[in-house]
Amino acid sequence: MAGYFTALIITIAVEYIVYLLFIRTKPLQTLFYAIIINCITHPAAYFVYSQLAEKYDITDLFNIYFLIVEIIVFLTEIVLVSILFKIKLSKAVLISFTANLVTAILSFVV
């Protein structure tokens, strides 16, 4: 369980930095939104992927289930980023894509 919370904290920290690079205002509010967004998407993604990995005995890191879960998280975060930051959908797509790409790549490294 400690591994999960470490992954969640790293994800929040990395996505917070990405949000700051794009939003550039209100760092405390941005941190709060990063926490909210990831406390919604991260547990759900972790649970679903864990269930799929167990059911299908997934041993490789990169697989179709990982991609499906990441796409769902990406789409969900577009909506959340757009609503919370009150920005255009096109900018929310760019922010969400960048944040999830960075954290997905980090998941293979860490």
N, C-alpha and C. Protein backbone atom coordinates (compact mmCIF):
# COMPACT_ATOMS: atom_id res chain seq x y z
N MET A 1 0.81 -1.20 0.00
CA MET A 1 0.00 0.00 0.00
C MET A 1 0.86 1.27 0.00
N ALA A 2 2.02 1.19 0.62
CA ALA A 2 2.93 2.34 0.63
C ALA A 2 3.36 2.69 -0.78
N GLY A 3 3.53 1.65 -1.62
CA GLY A 3 3.90 1.87 -3.02
C GLY A 3 2.83 2.65 -3.76
N TYR A 4 1.58 2.37 -3.45
CA TYR A 4 0.49 3.10 -4.10
C TYR A 4 0.53 4.58 -3.73
N PHE A 5 0.68 4.87 -2.44
CA PHE A 5 0.69 6.27 -2.01
C PHE A 5 1.91 7.02 -2.54
N THR A 6 3.02 6.33 -2.66
CA THR A 6 4.21 6.94 -3.26
C THR A 6 3.92 7.29 -4.72
N ALA A 7 3.30 6.37 -5.44
CA ALA A 7 2.94 6.62 -6.84
C ALA A 7 1.96 7.78 -6.95
N LEU A 8 0.99 7.84 -6.05
CA LEU A 8 0.02 8.93 -6.06
C LEU A 8 0.70 10.28 -5.81
N ILE A 9 1.57 10.34 -4.84
CA ILE A 9 2.27 11.59 -4.52
C ILE A 9 3.16 12.03 -5.67
N ILE A 10 3.87 11.10 -6.27
CA ILE A 10 4.71 11.43 -7.43
C ILE A 10 3.85 11.94 -8.58
N THR A 11 2.73 11.28 -8.82
CA THR A 11 1.82 11.71 -9.89
C THR A 11 1.30 13.11 -9.64
N ILE A 12 0.88 13.38 -8.42
CA ILE A 12 0.38 14.72 -8.08
C ILE A 12 1.48 15.75 -8.28
N ALA A 13 2.68 15.47 -7.81
CA ALA A 13 3.79 16.42 -7.92
C ALA A 13 4.13 16.71 -9.38
N VAL A 14 4.22 15.67 -10.18
CA VAL A 14 4.58 15.84 -11.59
C VAL A 14 3.48 16.59 -12.34
N GLU A 15 2.24 16.19 -12.13
CA GLU A 15 1.15 16.86 -12.83
C GLU A 15 0.98 18.30 -12.35
N TYR A 16 1.27 18.55 -11.10
CA TYR A 16 1.24 19.93 -10.58
C TYR A 16 2.24 20.80 -11.34
N ILE A 17 3.43 20.28 -11.54
CA ILE A 17 4.46 21.02 -12.29
C ILE A 17 3.99 21.29 -13.72
N VAL A 18 3.42 20.28 -14.35
CA VAL A 18 2.91 20.45 -15.71
C VAL A 18 1.81 21.51 -15.73
N TYR A 19 0.88 21.45 -14.77
CA TYR A 19 -0.19 22.44 -14.71
C TYR A 19 0.39 23.85 -14.54
N LEU A 20 1.38 23.97 -13.68
CA LEU A 20 2.00 25.29 -13.46
C LEU A 20 2.65 25.83 -14.73
N LEU A 21 3.26 24.94 -15.50
CA LEU A 21 3.90 25.38 -16.75
C LEU A 21 2.88 25.96 -17.73
N PHE A 22 1.67 25.44 -17.69
CA PHE A 22 0.63 25.92 -18.60
C PHE A 22 -0.22 27.04 -18.00
N ILE A 23 -0.55 26.94 -16.75
CA ILE A 23 -1.48 27.88 -16.12
C ILE A 23 -0.77 29.15 -15.64
N ARG A 24 0.35 28.99 -14.96
CA ARG A 24 1.23 30.08 -14.51
C ARG A 24 0.61 31.09 -13.54
N THR A 25 -0.47 30.74 -12.90
CA THR A 25 -1.05 31.62 -11.88
C THR A 25 -1.56 30.78 -10.72
N LYS A 26 -1.70 31.38 -9.60
CA LYS A 26 -2.29 30.78 -8.41
C LYS A 26 -1.71 29.40 -8.09
N PRO A 27 -0.45 29.34 -7.66
CA PRO A 27 0.19 28.04 -7.40
C PRO A 27 -0.51 27.19 -6.34
N LEU A 28 -1.04 27.80 -5.30
CA LEU A 28 -1.73 27.01 -4.26
C LEU A 28 -3.03 26.42 -4.78
N GLN A 29 -3.75 27.21 -5.54
CA GLN A 29 -4.99 26.72 -6.15
C GLN A 29 -4.68 25.62 -7.16
N THR A 30 -3.61 25.79 -7.91
CA THR A 30 -3.20 24.78 -8.89
C THR A 30 -2.83 23.48 -8.19
N LEU A 31 -2.13 23.58 -7.07
CA LEU A 31 -1.80 22.38 -6.29
C LEU A 31 -3.06 21.70 -5.79
N PHE A 32 -3.99 22.48 -5.28
CA PHE A 32 -5.26 21.93 -4.79
C PHE A 32 -6.00 21.20 -5.92
N TYR A 33 -6.04 21.81 -7.10
CA TYR A 33 -6.70 21.17 -8.24
C TYR A 33 -5.97 19.90 -8.68
N ALA A 34 -4.65 19.93 -8.63
CA ALA A 34 -3.87 18.73 -8.98
C ALA A 34 -4.20 17.59 -8.01
N ILE A 35 -4.34 17.92 -6.75
CA ILE A 35 -4.69 16.91 -5.74
C ILE A 35 -6.10 16.38 -6.00
N ILE A 36 -7.05 17.27 -6.24
CA ILE A 36 -8.43 16.83 -6.51
C ILE A 36 -8.48 15.93 -7.74
N ILE A 37 -7.90 16.38 -8.82
CA ILE A 37 -7.94 15.62 -10.08
C ILE A 37 -7.35 14.23 -9.90
N ASN A 38 -6.19 14.18 -9.27
CA ASN A 38 -5.52 12.89 -9.13
C ASN A 38 -6.14 12.01 -8.06
N CYS A 39 -6.80 12.59 -7.08
CA CYS A 39 -7.50 11.77 -6.09
C CYS A 39 -8.79 11.18 -6.67
N ILE A 40 -9.23 11.69 -7.80
CA ILE A 40 -10.37 11.10 -8.51
C ILE A 40 -9.89 10.05 -9.50
N THR A 41 -8.92 10.40 -10.33
CA THR A 41 -8.53 9.51 -11.43
C THR A 41 -7.54 8.42 -11.02
N HIS A 42 -6.59 8.74 -10.17
CA HIS A 42 -5.53 7.78 -9.83
C HIS A 42 -6.06 6.52 -9.14
N PRO A 43 -6.86 6.64 -8.08
CA PRO A 43 -7.36 5.42 -7.43
C PRO A 43 -8.19 4.55 -8.38
N ALA A 44 -9.02 5.18 -9.18
CA ALA A 44 -9.85 4.42 -10.12
C ALA A 44 -8.98 3.69 -11.14
N ALA A 45 -8.00 4.40 -11.70
CA ALA A 45 -7.11 3.79 -12.68
C ALA A 45 -6.30 2.66 -12.06
N TYR A 46 -5.81 2.89 -10.87
CA TYR A 46 -5.00 1.86 -10.18
C TYR A 46 -5.83 0.61 -9.90
N PHE A 47 -7.05 0.81 -9.44
CA PHE A 47 -7.93 -0.32 -9.13
C PHE A 47 -8.28 -1.10 -10.40
N VAL A 48 -8.70 -0.40 -11.43
CA VAL A 48 -9.09 -1.07 -12.68
C VAL A 48 -7.90 -1.82 -13.27
N TYR A 49 -6.75 -1.15 -13.35
CA TYR A 49 -5.59 -1.81 -13.94
C TYR A 49 -5.13 -3.00 -13.09
N SER A 50 -5.19 -2.87 -11.78
CA SER A 50 -4.81 -3.98 -10.90
C SER A 50 -5.72 -5.18 -11.11
N GLN A 51 -7.02 -4.91 -11.26
CA GLN A 51 -7.97 -5.99 -11.50
C GLN A 51 -7.71 -6.67 -12.85
N LEU A 52 -7.44 -5.87 -13.86
CA LEU A 52 -7.15 -6.42 -15.19
C LEU A 52 -5.84 -7.21 -15.18
N ALA A 53 -4.83 -6.67 -14.51
CA ALA A 53 -3.54 -7.35 -14.45
C ALA A 53 -3.65 -8.70 -13.76
N GLU A 54 -4.46 -8.73 -12.70
CA GLU A 54 -4.66 -9.99 -11.97
C GLU A 54 -5.48 -10.98 -12.80
N LYS A 55 -6.54 -10.50 -13.41
CA LYS A 55 -7.42 -11.38 -14.17
C LYS A 55 -6.73 -11.98 -15.40
N TYR A 56 -5.94 -11.16 -16.08
CA TYR A 56 -5.31 -11.62 -17.32
C TYR A 56 -3.84 -11.95 -17.16
N ASP A 57 -3.37 -12.00 -15.91
CA ASP A 57 -1.99 -12.36 -15.61
C ASP A 57 -0.99 -11.56 -16.46
N ILE A 58 -1.13 -10.24 -16.38
CA ILE A 58 -0.28 -9.35 -17.16
C ILE A 58 1.08 -9.22 -16.47
N THR A 59 2.13 -9.51 -17.22
CA THR A 59 3.46 -9.41 -16.66
C THR A 59 4.28 -8.30 -17.32
N ASP A 60 3.95 -7.92 -18.54
CA ASP A 60 4.69 -6.84 -19.19
C ASP A 60 4.09 -5.50 -18.79
N LEU A 61 4.92 -4.48 -18.74
CA LEU A 61 4.46 -3.18 -18.27
C LEU A 61 3.54 -2.49 -19.28
N PHE A 62 3.92 -2.53 -20.54
CA PHE A 62 3.15 -1.82 -21.55
C PHE A 62 2.26 -2.81 -22.28
N ASN A 63 0.98 -2.63 -22.19
CA ASN A 63 0.03 -3.54 -22.83
C ASN A 63 -1.23 -2.77 -23.17
N ILE A 64 -2.16 -3.44 -23.84
CA ILE A 64 -3.38 -2.79 -24.29
C ILE A 64 -4.22 -2.29 -23.11
N TYR A 65 -4.20 -2.99 -22.00
CA TYR A 65 -5.00 -2.57 -20.84
C TYR A 65 -4.44 -1.29 -20.23
N PHE A 66 -3.13 -1.19 -20.20
CA PHE A 66 -2.49 0.03 -19.72
C PHE A 66 -2.93 1.20 -20.60
N LEU A 67 -2.90 0.99 -21.91
CA LEU A 67 -3.31 2.03 -22.85
C LEU A 67 -4.76 2.43 -22.66
N ILE A 68 -5.64 1.47 -22.51
CA ILE A 68 -7.06 1.77 -22.33
C ILE A 68 -7.29 2.57 -21.06
N VAL A 69 -6.67 2.15 -19.97
CA VAL A 69 -6.82 2.87 -18.69
C VAL A 69 -6.27 4.29 -18.83
N GLU A 70 -5.12 4.45 -19.46
CA GLU A 70 -4.53 5.78 -19.62
C GLU A 70 -5.40 6.68 -20.49
N ILE A 71 -6.01 6.13 -21.52
CA ILE A 71 -6.90 6.93 -22.38
C ILE A 71 -8.12 7.40 -21.60
N ILE A 72 -8.68 6.52 -20.79
CA ILE A 72 -9.84 6.90 -19.97
C ILE A 72 -9.45 7.99 -18.96
N VAL A 73 -8.30 7.84 -18.33
CA VAL A 73 -7.82 8.86 -17.39
C VAL A 73 -7.60 10.18 -18.13
N PHE A 74 -6.97 10.12 -19.28
CA PHE A 74 -6.71 11.32 -20.09
C PHE A 74 -8.02 12.04 -20.42
N LEU A 75 -9.02 11.32 -20.87
CA LEU A 75 -10.31 11.92 -21.23
C LEU A 75 -11.01 12.51 -20.00
N THR A 76 -10.95 11.80 -18.89
CA THR A 76 -11.56 12.29 -17.66
C THR A 76 -10.87 13.57 -17.18
N GLU A 77 -9.55 13.56 -17.26
CA GLU A 77 -8.80 14.74 -16.79
C GLU A 77 -9.00 15.95 -17.70
N ILE A 78 -9.29 15.73 -18.96
CA ILE A 78 -9.60 16.87 -19.84
C ILE A 78 -10.80 17.63 -19.26
N VAL A 79 -11.83 16.90 -18.93
CA VAL A 79 -13.05 17.52 -18.39
C VAL A 79 -12.76 18.21 -17.06
N LEU A 80 -12.06 17.51 -16.17
CA LEU A 80 -11.77 18.08 -14.85
C LEU A 80 -10.89 19.32 -14.96
N VAL A 81 -9.86 19.28 -15.78
CA VAL A 81 -8.96 20.43 -15.95
C VAL A 81 -9.73 21.61 -16.54
N SER A 82 -10.55 21.34 -17.53
CA SER A 82 -11.33 22.40 -18.16
C SER A 82 -12.28 23.07 -17.17
N ILE A 83 -12.95 22.27 -16.37
CA ILE A 83 -13.92 22.81 -15.40
C ILE A 83 -13.21 23.54 -14.25
N LEU A 84 -12.23 22.88 -13.64
CA LEU A 84 -11.59 23.48 -12.46
C LEU A 84 -10.80 24.74 -12.80
N PHE A 85 -10.03 24.69 -13.88
CA PHE A 85 -9.20 25.84 -14.24
C PHE A 85 -9.96 26.88 -15.07
N LYS A 86 -11.19 26.52 -15.48
CA LYS A 86 -12.02 27.41 -16.29
C LYS A 86 -11.27 27.84 -17.55
N ILE A 87 -10.83 26.84 -18.30
CA ILE A 87 -10.09 27.10 -19.53
C ILE A 87 -10.79 26.41 -20.70
N LYS A 88 -10.38 26.79 -21.91
CA LYS A 88 -10.95 26.19 -23.11
C LYS A 88 -10.60 24.71 -23.18
N LEU A 89 -11.48 23.99 -23.82
CA LEU A 89 -11.29 22.55 -23.95
C LEU A 89 -9.99 22.22 -24.69
N SER A 90 -9.64 22.99 -25.70
CA SER A 90 -8.43 22.72 -26.46
C SER A 90 -7.17 22.83 -25.59
N LYS A 91 -7.14 23.81 -24.71
CA LYS A 91 -6.01 23.95 -23.80
C LYS A 91 -6.02 22.83 -22.76
N ALA A 92 -7.20 22.44 -22.30
CA ALA A 92 -7.32 21.34 -21.34
C ALA A 92 -6.82 20.03 -21.95
N VAL A 93 -7.08 19.83 -23.23
CA VAL A 93 -6.58 18.64 -23.93
C VAL A 93 -5.06 18.63 -23.92
N LEU A 94 -4.46 19.75 -24.25
CA LEU A 94 -3.00 19.85 -24.28
C LEU A 94 -2.39 19.62 -22.90
N ILE A 95 -2.98 20.22 -21.89
CA ILE A 95 -2.48 20.07 -20.52
C ILE A 95 -2.62 18.62 -20.05
N SER A 96 -3.79 18.06 -20.25
CA SER A 96 -4.03 16.68 -19.82
C SER A 96 -3.14 15.70 -20.56
N PHE A 97 -2.98 15.90 -21.85
CA PHE A 97 -2.12 15.01 -22.64
C PHE A 97 -0.68 15.08 -22.12
N THR A 98 -0.18 16.28 -21.93
CA THR A 98 1.20 16.45 -21.46
C THR A 98 1.40 15.83 -20.08
N ALA A 99 0.48 16.13 -19.16
CA ALA A 99 0.60 15.61 -17.79
C ALA A 99 0.57 14.09 -17.78
N ASN A 100 -0.35 13.50 -18.54
CA ASN A 100 -0.46 12.05 -18.55
C ASN A 100 0.66 11.37 -19.32
N LEU A 101 1.17 12.01 -20.34
CA LEU A 101 2.32 11.46 -21.05
C LEU A 101 3.54 11.40 -20.14
N VAL A 102 3.79 12.48 -19.43
CA VAL A 102 4.95 12.53 -18.52
C VAL A 102 4.81 11.48 -17.41
N THR A 103 3.64 11.41 -16.79
CA THR A 103 3.48 10.45 -15.70
C THR A 103 3.48 9.00 -16.20
N ALA A 104 2.95 8.77 -17.41
CA ALA A 104 2.99 7.42 -17.98
C ALA A 104 4.42 6.99 -18.26
N ILE A 105 5.20 7.90 -18.81
CA ILE A 105 6.61 7.59 -19.08
C ILE A 105 7.35 7.33 -17.77
N LEU A 106 7.09 8.15 -16.76
CA LEU A 106 7.72 7.96 -15.46
C LEU A 106 7.34 6.63 -14.82
N SER A 107 6.14 6.14 -15.11
CA SER A 107 5.73 4.87 -14.52
C SER A 107 6.59 3.71 -15.01
N PHE A 108 7.21 3.86 -16.16
CA PHE A 108 8.11 2.82 -16.67
C PHE A 108 9.51 2.97 -16.08
N VAL A 109 9.87 4.18 -15.69
CA VAL A 109 11.21 4.45 -15.16
C VAL A 109 11.30 4.15 -13.68
N VAL A 110 10.27 4.57 -12.94
CA VAL A 110 10.30 4.43 -11.47
C VAL A 110 9.86 3.05 -11.05
